[in-house]
Amino acid sequence: MDKLFIGLGFLAFLLVLGLVGNEDYEYEVRSQVNYCQMVEAGIWPDYNDTYQYCDKAYNALAEIQGE
């Protein structure tokens, strides 16, 4: 019985870890898209020198949103 609880606890831990990791990824993609939009609008300079990767950020956001 103890092994069952340990196994279930481990599975719950992995599930939480996966959800948190996914949320981090979505946050980073949305942050990059926001950065691209601000650079595109001329509000911010390309201080991170990542504007050339904006197409990848827009594609990743579309995948997240299921488009």
PDB file of N, CA and C in Angstrom:
ATOM      1  N   MET A   1       0.816  -1.190   0.000  1.00  0.00           N
ATOM      2  CA  MET A   1       0.000   0.000   0.000  1.00  0.00           C
ATOM      3  C   MET A   1       0.861   1.256   0.000  1.00  0.00           C
ATOM      4  N   ASP A   2       1.984   1.221   0.742  1.00  0.00           N
ATOM      5  CA  ASP A   2       2.875   2.373   0.775  1.00  0.00           C
ATOM      6  C   ASP A   2       3.488   2.646  -0.600  1.00  0.00           C
ATOM      7  N   LYS A   3       3.800   1.579  -1.318  1.00  0.00           N
ATOM      8  CA  LYS A   3       4.371   1.742  -2.657  1.00  0.00           C
ATOM      9  C   LYS A   3       3.372   2.403  -3.600  1.00  0.00           C
ATOM     10  N   LEU A   4       2.094   2.107  -3.412  1.00  0.00           N
ATOM     11  CA  LEU A   4       1.052   2.713  -4.231  1.00  0.00           C
ATOM     12  C   LEU A   4       0.992   4.219  -3.992  1.00  0.00           C
ATOM     13  N   PHE A   5       1.039   4.630  -2.739  1.00  0.00           N
ATOM     14  CA  PHE A   5       1.001   6.056  -2.416  1.00  0.00           C
ATOM     15  C   PHE A   5       2.246   6.779  -2.913  1.00  0.00           C
ATOM     16  N   ILE A   6       3.382   6.127  -2.810  1.00  0.00           N
ATOM     17  CA  ILE A   6       4.624   6.722  -3.310  1.00  0.00           C
ATOM     18  C   ILE A   6       4.538   6.887  -4.828  1.00  0.00           C
ATOM     19  N   GLY A   7       4.041   5.871  -5.505  1.00  0.00           N
ATOM     20  CA  GLY A   7       3.893   5.936  -6.965  1.00  0.00           C
ATOM     21  C   GLY A   7       2.916   7.021  -7.382  1.00  0.00           C
ATOM     22  N   LEU A   8       1.782   7.111  -6.695  1.00  0.00           N
ATOM     23  CA  LEU A   8       0.803   8.158  -7.014  1.00  0.00           C
ATOM     24  C   LEU A   8       1.347   9.549  -6.717  1.00  0.00           C
ATOM     25  N   GLY A   9       2.091   9.672  -5.636  1.00  0.00           N
ATOM     26  CA  GLY A   9       2.722  10.950  -5.311  1.00  0.00           C
ATOM     27  C   GLY A   9       3.731  11.367  -6.367  1.00  0.00           C
ATOM     28  N   PHE A  10       4.490  10.404  -6.832  1.00  0.00           N
ATOM     29  CA  PHE A  10       5.470  10.684  -7.878  1.00  0.00           C
ATOM     30  C   PHE A  10       4.791  11.103  -9.176  1.00  0.00           C
ATOM     31  N   LEU A  11       3.707  10.433  -9.540  1.00  0.00           N
ATOM     32  CA  LEU A  11       2.969  10.800 -10.749  1.00  0.00           C
ATOM     33  C   LEU A  11       2.351  12.190 -10.625  1.00  0.00           C
ATOM     34  N   ALA A  12       1.827  12.505  -9.447  1.00  0.00           N
ATOM     35  CA  ALA A  12       1.273  13.842  -9.226  1.00  0.00           C
ATOM     36  C   ALA A  12       2.363  14.901  -9.343  1.00  0.00           C
ATOM     37  N   PHE A  13       3.533  14.608  -8.807  1.00  0.00           N
ATOM     38  CA  PHE A  13       4.666  15.525  -8.910  1.00  0.00           C
ATOM     39  C   PHE A  13       5.046  15.770 -10.366  1.00  0.00           C
ATOM     40  N   LEU A  14       5.115  14.717 -11.157  1.00  0.00           N
ATOM     41  CA  LEU A  14       5.445  14.864 -12.575  1.00  0.00           C
ATOM     42  C   LEU A  14       4.388  15.670 -13.317  1.00  0.00           C
ATOM     43  N   LEU A  15       3.138  15.465 -12.987  1.00  0.00           N
ATOM     44  CA  LEU A  15       2.055  16.214 -13.618  1.00  0.00           C
ATOM     45  C   LEU A  15       2.171  17.702 -13.310  1.00  0.00           C
ATOM     46  N   VAL A  16       2.404  18.037 -12.065  1.00  0.00           N
ATOM     47  CA  VAL A  16       2.555  19.440 -11.672  1.00  0.00           C
ATOM     48  C   VAL A  16       3.783  20.039 -12.350  1.00  0.00           C
ATOM     49  N   LEU A  17       4.859  19.305 -12.395  1.00  0.00           N
ATOM     50  CA  LEU A  17       6.082  19.790 -13.042  1.00  0.00           C
ATOM     51  C   LEU A  17       5.846  20.065 -14.519  1.00  0.00           C
ATOM     52  N   GLY A  18       5.112  19.197 -15.190  1.00  0.00           N
ATOM     53  CA  GLY A  18       4.801  19.401 -16.605  1.00  0.00           C
ATOM     54  C   GLY A  18       3.916  20.607 -16.826  1.00  0.00           C
ATOM     55  N   LEU A  19       2.930  20.811 -15.968  1.00  0.00           N
ATOM     56  CA  LEU A  19       2.043  21.967 -16.107  1.00  0.00           C
ATOM     57  C   LEU A  19       2.791  23.271 -15.895  1.00  0.00           C
ATOM     58  N   VAL A  20       3.645  23.307 -14.891  1.00  0.00           N
ATOM     59  CA  VAL A  20       4.422  24.519 -14.619  1.00  0.00           C
ATOM     60  C   VAL A  20       5.372  24.811 -15.771  1.00  0.00           C
ATOM     61  N   GLY A  21       6.005  23.795 -16.298  1.00  0.00           N
ATOM     62  CA  GLY A  21       6.910  23.983 -17.432  1.00  0.00           C
ATOM     63  C   GLY A  21       6.184  24.511 -18.648  1.00  0.00           C
ATOM     64  N   ASN A  22       4.994  24.017 -18.894  1.00  0.00           N
ATOM     65  CA  ASN A  22       4.205  24.484 -20.025  1.00  0.00           C
ATOM     66  C   ASN A  22       3.799  25.947 -19.843  1.00  0.00           C
ATOM     67  N   GLU A  23       3.422  26.327 -18.636  1.00  0.00           N
ATOM     68  CA  GLU A  23       3.056  27.715 -18.360  1.00  0.00           C
ATOM     69  C   GLU A  23       4.251  28.641 -18.562  1.00  0.00           C
ATOM     70  N   ASP A  24       5.429  28.208 -18.150  1.00  0.00           N
ATOM     71  CA  ASP A  24       6.635  29.009 -18.358  1.00  0.00           C
ATOM     72  C   ASP A  24       6.894  29.228 -19.839  1.00  0.00           C
ATOM     73  N   TYR A  25       6.740  28.179 -20.627  1.00  0.00           N
ATOM     74  CA  TYR A  25       6.955  28.278 -22.069  1.00  0.00           C
ATOM     75  C   TYR A  25       5.963  29.259 -22.696  1.00  0.00           C
ATOM     76  N   GLU A  26       4.695  29.145 -22.329  1.00  0.00           N
ATOM     77  CA  GLU A  26       3.684  30.054 -22.880  1.00  0.00           C
ATOM     78  C   GLU A  26       3.978  31.495 -22.489  1.00  0.00           C
ATOM     79  N   TYR A  27       4.404  31.717 -21.254  1.00  0.00           N
ATOM     80  CA  TYR A  27       4.735  33.069 -20.807  1.00  0.00           C
ATOM     81  C   TYR A  27       5.886  33.643 -21.627  1.00  0.00           C
ATOM     82  N   GLU A  28       6.905  32.845 -21.857  1.00  0.00           N
ATOM     83  CA  GLU A  28       8.057  33.317 -22.633  1.00  0.00           C
ATOM     84  C   GLU A  28       7.671  33.636 -24.073  1.00  0.00           C
ATOM     85  N   VAL A  29       6.834  32.804 -24.691  1.00  0.00           N
ATOM     86  CA  VAL A  29       6.391  33.057 -26.060  1.00  0.00           C
ATOM     87  C   VAL A  29       5.589  34.349 -26.118  1.00  0.00           C
ATOM     88  N   ARG A  30       4.661  34.524 -25.182  1.00  0.00           N
ATOM     89  CA  ARG A  30       3.847  35.747 -25.167  1.00  0.00           C
ATOM     90  C   ARG A  30       4.709  36.980 -24.908  1.00  0.00           C
ATOM     91  N   SER A  31       5.727  36.851 -24.069  1.00  0.00           N
ATOM     92  CA  SER A  31       6.641  37.966 -23.813  1.00  0.00           C
ATOM     93  C   SER A  31       7.421  38.326 -25.073  1.00  0.00           C
ATOM     94  N   GLN A  32       7.863  37.311 -25.800  1.00  0.00           N
ATOM     95  CA  GLN A  32       8.604  37.567 -27.036  1.00  0.00           C
ATOM     96  C   GLN A  32       7.716  38.219 -28.085  1.00  0.00           C
ATOM     97  N   VAL A  33       6.463  37.789 -28.190  1.00  0.00           N
ATOM     98  CA  VAL A  33       5.534  38.399 -29.145  1.00  0.00           C
ATOM     99  C   VAL A  33       5.286  39.853 -28.770  1.00  0.00           C
ATOM    100  N   ASN A  34       5.137  40.128 -27.481  1.00  0.00           N
ATOM    101  CA  ASN A  34       4.962  41.511 -27.033  1.00  0.00           C
ATOM    102  C   ASN A  34       6.183  42.350 -27.392  1.00  0.00           C
ATOM    103  N   TYR A  35       7.365  41.807 -27.174  1.00  0.00           N
ATOM    104  CA  TYR A  35       8.606  42.492 -27.528  1.00  0.00           C
ATOM    105  C   TYR A  35       8.635  42.803 -29.032  1.00  0.00           C
ATOM    106  N   CYS A  36       8.265  41.818 -29.835  1.00  0.00           N
ATOM    107  CA  CYS A  36       8.255  42.014 -31.293  1.00  0.00           C
ATOM    108  C   CYS A  36       7.277  43.104 -31.699  1.00  0.00           C
ATOM    109  N   GLN A  37       6.119  43.119 -31.075  1.00  0.00           N
ATOM    110  CA  GLN A  37       5.126  44.137 -31.402  1.00  0.00           C
ATOM    111  C   GLN A  37       5.614  45.529 -31.016  1.00  0.00           C
ATOM    112  N   MET A  38       6.283  45.642 -29.891  1.00  0.00           N
ATOM    113  CA  MET A  38       6.791  46.945 -29.451  1.00  0.00           C
ATOM    114  C   MET A  38       7.933  47.430 -30.352  1.00  0.00           C
ATOM    115  N   VAL A  39       8.784  46.516 -30.770  1.00  0.00           N
ATOM    116  CA  VAL A  39       9.876  46.885 -31.680  1.00  0.00           C
ATOM    117  C   VAL A  39       9.296  47.279 -33.032  1.00  0.00           C
ATOM    118  N   GLU A  40       8.318  46.511 -33.507  1.00  0.00           N
ATOM    119  CA  GLU A  40       7.676  46.777 -34.792  1.00  0.00           C
ATOM    120  C   GLU A  40       7.010  48.151 -34.805  1.00  0.00           C
ATOM    121  N   ALA A  41       6.399  48.516 -33.689  1.00  0.00           N
ATOM    122  CA  ALA A  41       5.699  49.800 -33.603  1.00  0.00           C
ATOM    123  C   ALA A  41       6.660  50.966 -33.394  1.00  0.00           C
ATOM    124  N   GLY A  42       7.917  50.675 -33.151  1.00  0.00           N
ATOM    125  CA  GLY A  42       8.900  51.727 -32.945  1.00  0.00           C
ATOM    126  C   GLY A  42       8.927  52.256 -31.527  1.00  0.00           C
ATOM    127  N   ILE A  43       8.244  51.596 -30.621  1.00  0.00           N
ATOM    128  CA  ILE A  43       8.210  52.034 -29.224  1.00  0.00           C
ATOM    129  C   ILE A  43       9.506  51.661 -28.518  1.00  0.00           C
ATOM    130  N   TRP A  44      10.016  50.463 -28.794  1.00  0.00           N
ATOM    131  CA  TRP A  44      11.266  49.997 -28.206  1.00  0.00           C
ATOM    132  C   TRP A  44      12.288  49.774 -29.309  1.00  0.00           C
ATOM    133  N   PRO A  45      13.567  50.009 -28.994  1.00  0.00           N
ATOM    134  CA  PRO A  45      14.606  49.573 -29.939  1.00  0.00           C
ATOM    135  C   PRO A  45      14.806  48.063 -29.776  1.00  0.00           C
ATOM    136  N   ASP A  46      15.490  47.460 -30.702  1.00  0.00           N
ATOM    137  CA  ASP A  46      15.755  46.016 -30.638  1.00  0.00           C
ATOM    138  C   ASP A  46      16.934  45.773 -29.700  1.00  0.00           C
ATOM    139  N   TYR A  47      16.729  46.057 -28.417  1.00  0.00           N
ATOM    140  CA  TYR A  47      17.810  45.977 -27.443  1.00  0.00           C
ATOM    141  C   TYR A  47      18.229  44.545 -27.126  1.00  0.00           C
ATOM    142  N   ASN A  48      17.357  43.570 -27.365  1.00  0.00           N
ATOM    143  CA  ASN A  48      17.731  42.165 -27.154  1.00  0.00           C
ATOM    144  C   ASN A  48      18.354  41.543 -28.401  1.00  0.00           C
ATOM    145  N   ASP A  49      18.297  42.255 -29.516  1.00  0.00           N
ATOM    146  CA  ASP A  49      18.795  41.769 -30.803  1.00  0.00           C
ATOM    147  C   ASP A  49      18.152  40.426 -31.163  1.00  0.00           C
ATOM    148  N   THR A  50      16.834  40.338 -30.941  1.00  0.00           N
ATOM    149  CA  THR A  50      16.102  39.110 -31.254  1.00  0.00           C
ATOM    150  C   THR A  50      14.958  39.364 -32.225  1.00  0.00           C
ATOM    151  N   TYR A  51      14.903  40.529 -32.805  1.00  0.00           N
ATOM    152  CA  TYR A  51      13.795  40.851 -33.695  1.00  0.00           C
ATOM    153  C   TYR A  51      13.759  39.926 -34.913  1.00  0.00           C
ATOM    154  N   GLN A  52      14.905  39.406 -35.326  1.00  0.00           N
ATOM    155  CA  GLN A  52      14.938  38.527 -36.496  1.00  0.00           C
ATOM    156  C   GLN A  52      14.223  37.199 -36.237  1.00  0.00           C
ATOM    157  N   TYR A  53      13.930  36.882 -34.971  1.00  0.00           N
ATOM    158  CA  TYR A  53      13.251  35.632 -34.626  1.00  0.00           C
ATOM    159  C   TYR A  53      11.756  35.814 -34.381  1.00  0.00           C
ATOM    160  N   CYS A  54      11.216  36.960 -34.727  1.00  0.00           N
ATOM    161  CA  CYS A  54       9.806  37.231 -34.452  1.00  0.00           C
ATOM    162  C   CYS A  54       8.869  36.285 -35.199  1.00  0.00           C
ATOM    163  N   ASP A  55       9.226  35.867 -36.392  1.00  0.00           N
ATOM    164  CA  ASP A  55       8.379  34.916 -37.123  1.00  0.00           C
ATOM    165  C   ASP A  55       8.211  33.619 -36.328  1.00  0.00           C
ATOM    166  N   LYS A  56       9.285  33.152 -35.712  1.00  0.00           N
ATOM    167  CA  LYS A  56       9.210  31.941 -34.904  1.00  0.00           C
ATOM    168  C   LYS A  56       8.315  32.159 -33.680  1.00  0.00           C
ATOM    169  N   ALA A  57       8.397  33.351 -33.093  1.00  0.00           N
ATOM    170  CA  ALA A  57       7.558  33.651 -31.927  1.00  0.00           C
ATOM    171  C   ALA A  57       6.094  33.698 -32.320  1.00  0.00           C
ATOM    172  N   TYR A  58       5.788  34.316 -33.456  1.00  0.00           N
ATOM    173  CA  TYR A  58       4.394  34.373 -33.918  1.00  0.00           C
ATOM    174  C   TYR A  58       3.866  32.976 -34.237  1.00  0.00           C
ATOM    175  N   ASN A  59       4.696  32.134 -34.840  1.00  0.00           N
ATOM    176  CA  ASN A  59       4.288  30.751 -35.138  1.00  0.00           C
ATOM    177  C   ASN A  59       4.058  29.951 -33.861  1.00  0.00           C
ATOM    178  N   ALA A  60       4.926  30.137 -32.871  1.00  0.00           N
ATOM    179  CA  ALA A  60       4.767  29.430 -31.599  1.00  0.00           C
ATOM    180  C   ALA A  60       3.494  29.868 -30.896  1.00  0.00           C
ATOM    181  N   LEU A  61       3.182  31.160 -30.964  1.00  0.00           N
ATOM    182  CA  LEU A  61       1.954  31.647 -30.361  1.00  0.00           C
ATOM    183  C   LEU A  61       0.718  31.073 -31.059  1.00  0.00           C
ATOM    184  N   ALA A  62       0.781  30.971 -32.369  1.00  0.00           N
ATOM    185  CA  ALA A  62      -0.333  30.393 -33.112  1.00  0.00           C
ATOM    186  C   ALA A  62      -0.526  28.927 -32.713  1.00  0.00           C
ATOM    187  N   GLU A  63       0.556  28.195 -32.496  1.00  0.00           N
ATOM    188  CA  GLU A  63       0.440  26.804 -32.068  1.00  0.00           C
ATOM    189  C   GLU A  63      -0.179  26.709 -30.673  1.00  0.00           C
ATOM    190  N   ILE A  64       0.212  27.615 -29.800  1.00  0.00           N
ATOM    191  CA  ILE A  64      -0.323  27.625 -28.440  1.00  0.00           C
ATOM    192  C   ILE A  64      -1.819  27.887 -28.462  1.00  0.00           C
ATOM    193  N   GLN A  65      -2.224  28.824 -29.304  1.00  0.00           N
ATOM    194  CA  GLN A  65      -3.618  29.200 -29.364  1.00  0.00           C
ATOM    195  C   GLN A  65      -4.449  28.234 -30.202  1.00  0.00           C
ATOM    196  N   GLY A  66      -3.778  27.284 -30.837  1.00  0.00           N
ATOM    197  CA  GLY A  66      -4.478  26.264 -31.610  1.00  0.00           C
ATOM    198  C   GLY A  66      -4.948  26.722 -32.965  1.00  0.00           C
ATOM    199  N   GLU A  67      -4.267  27.665 -33.547  1.00  0.00           N
ATOM    200  CA  GLU A  67      -4.659  28.177 -34.858  1.00  0.00           C
ATOM    201  C   GLU A  67      -3.959  27.404 -35.952  1.00  0.00           C
TER     202      GLU A  67
END
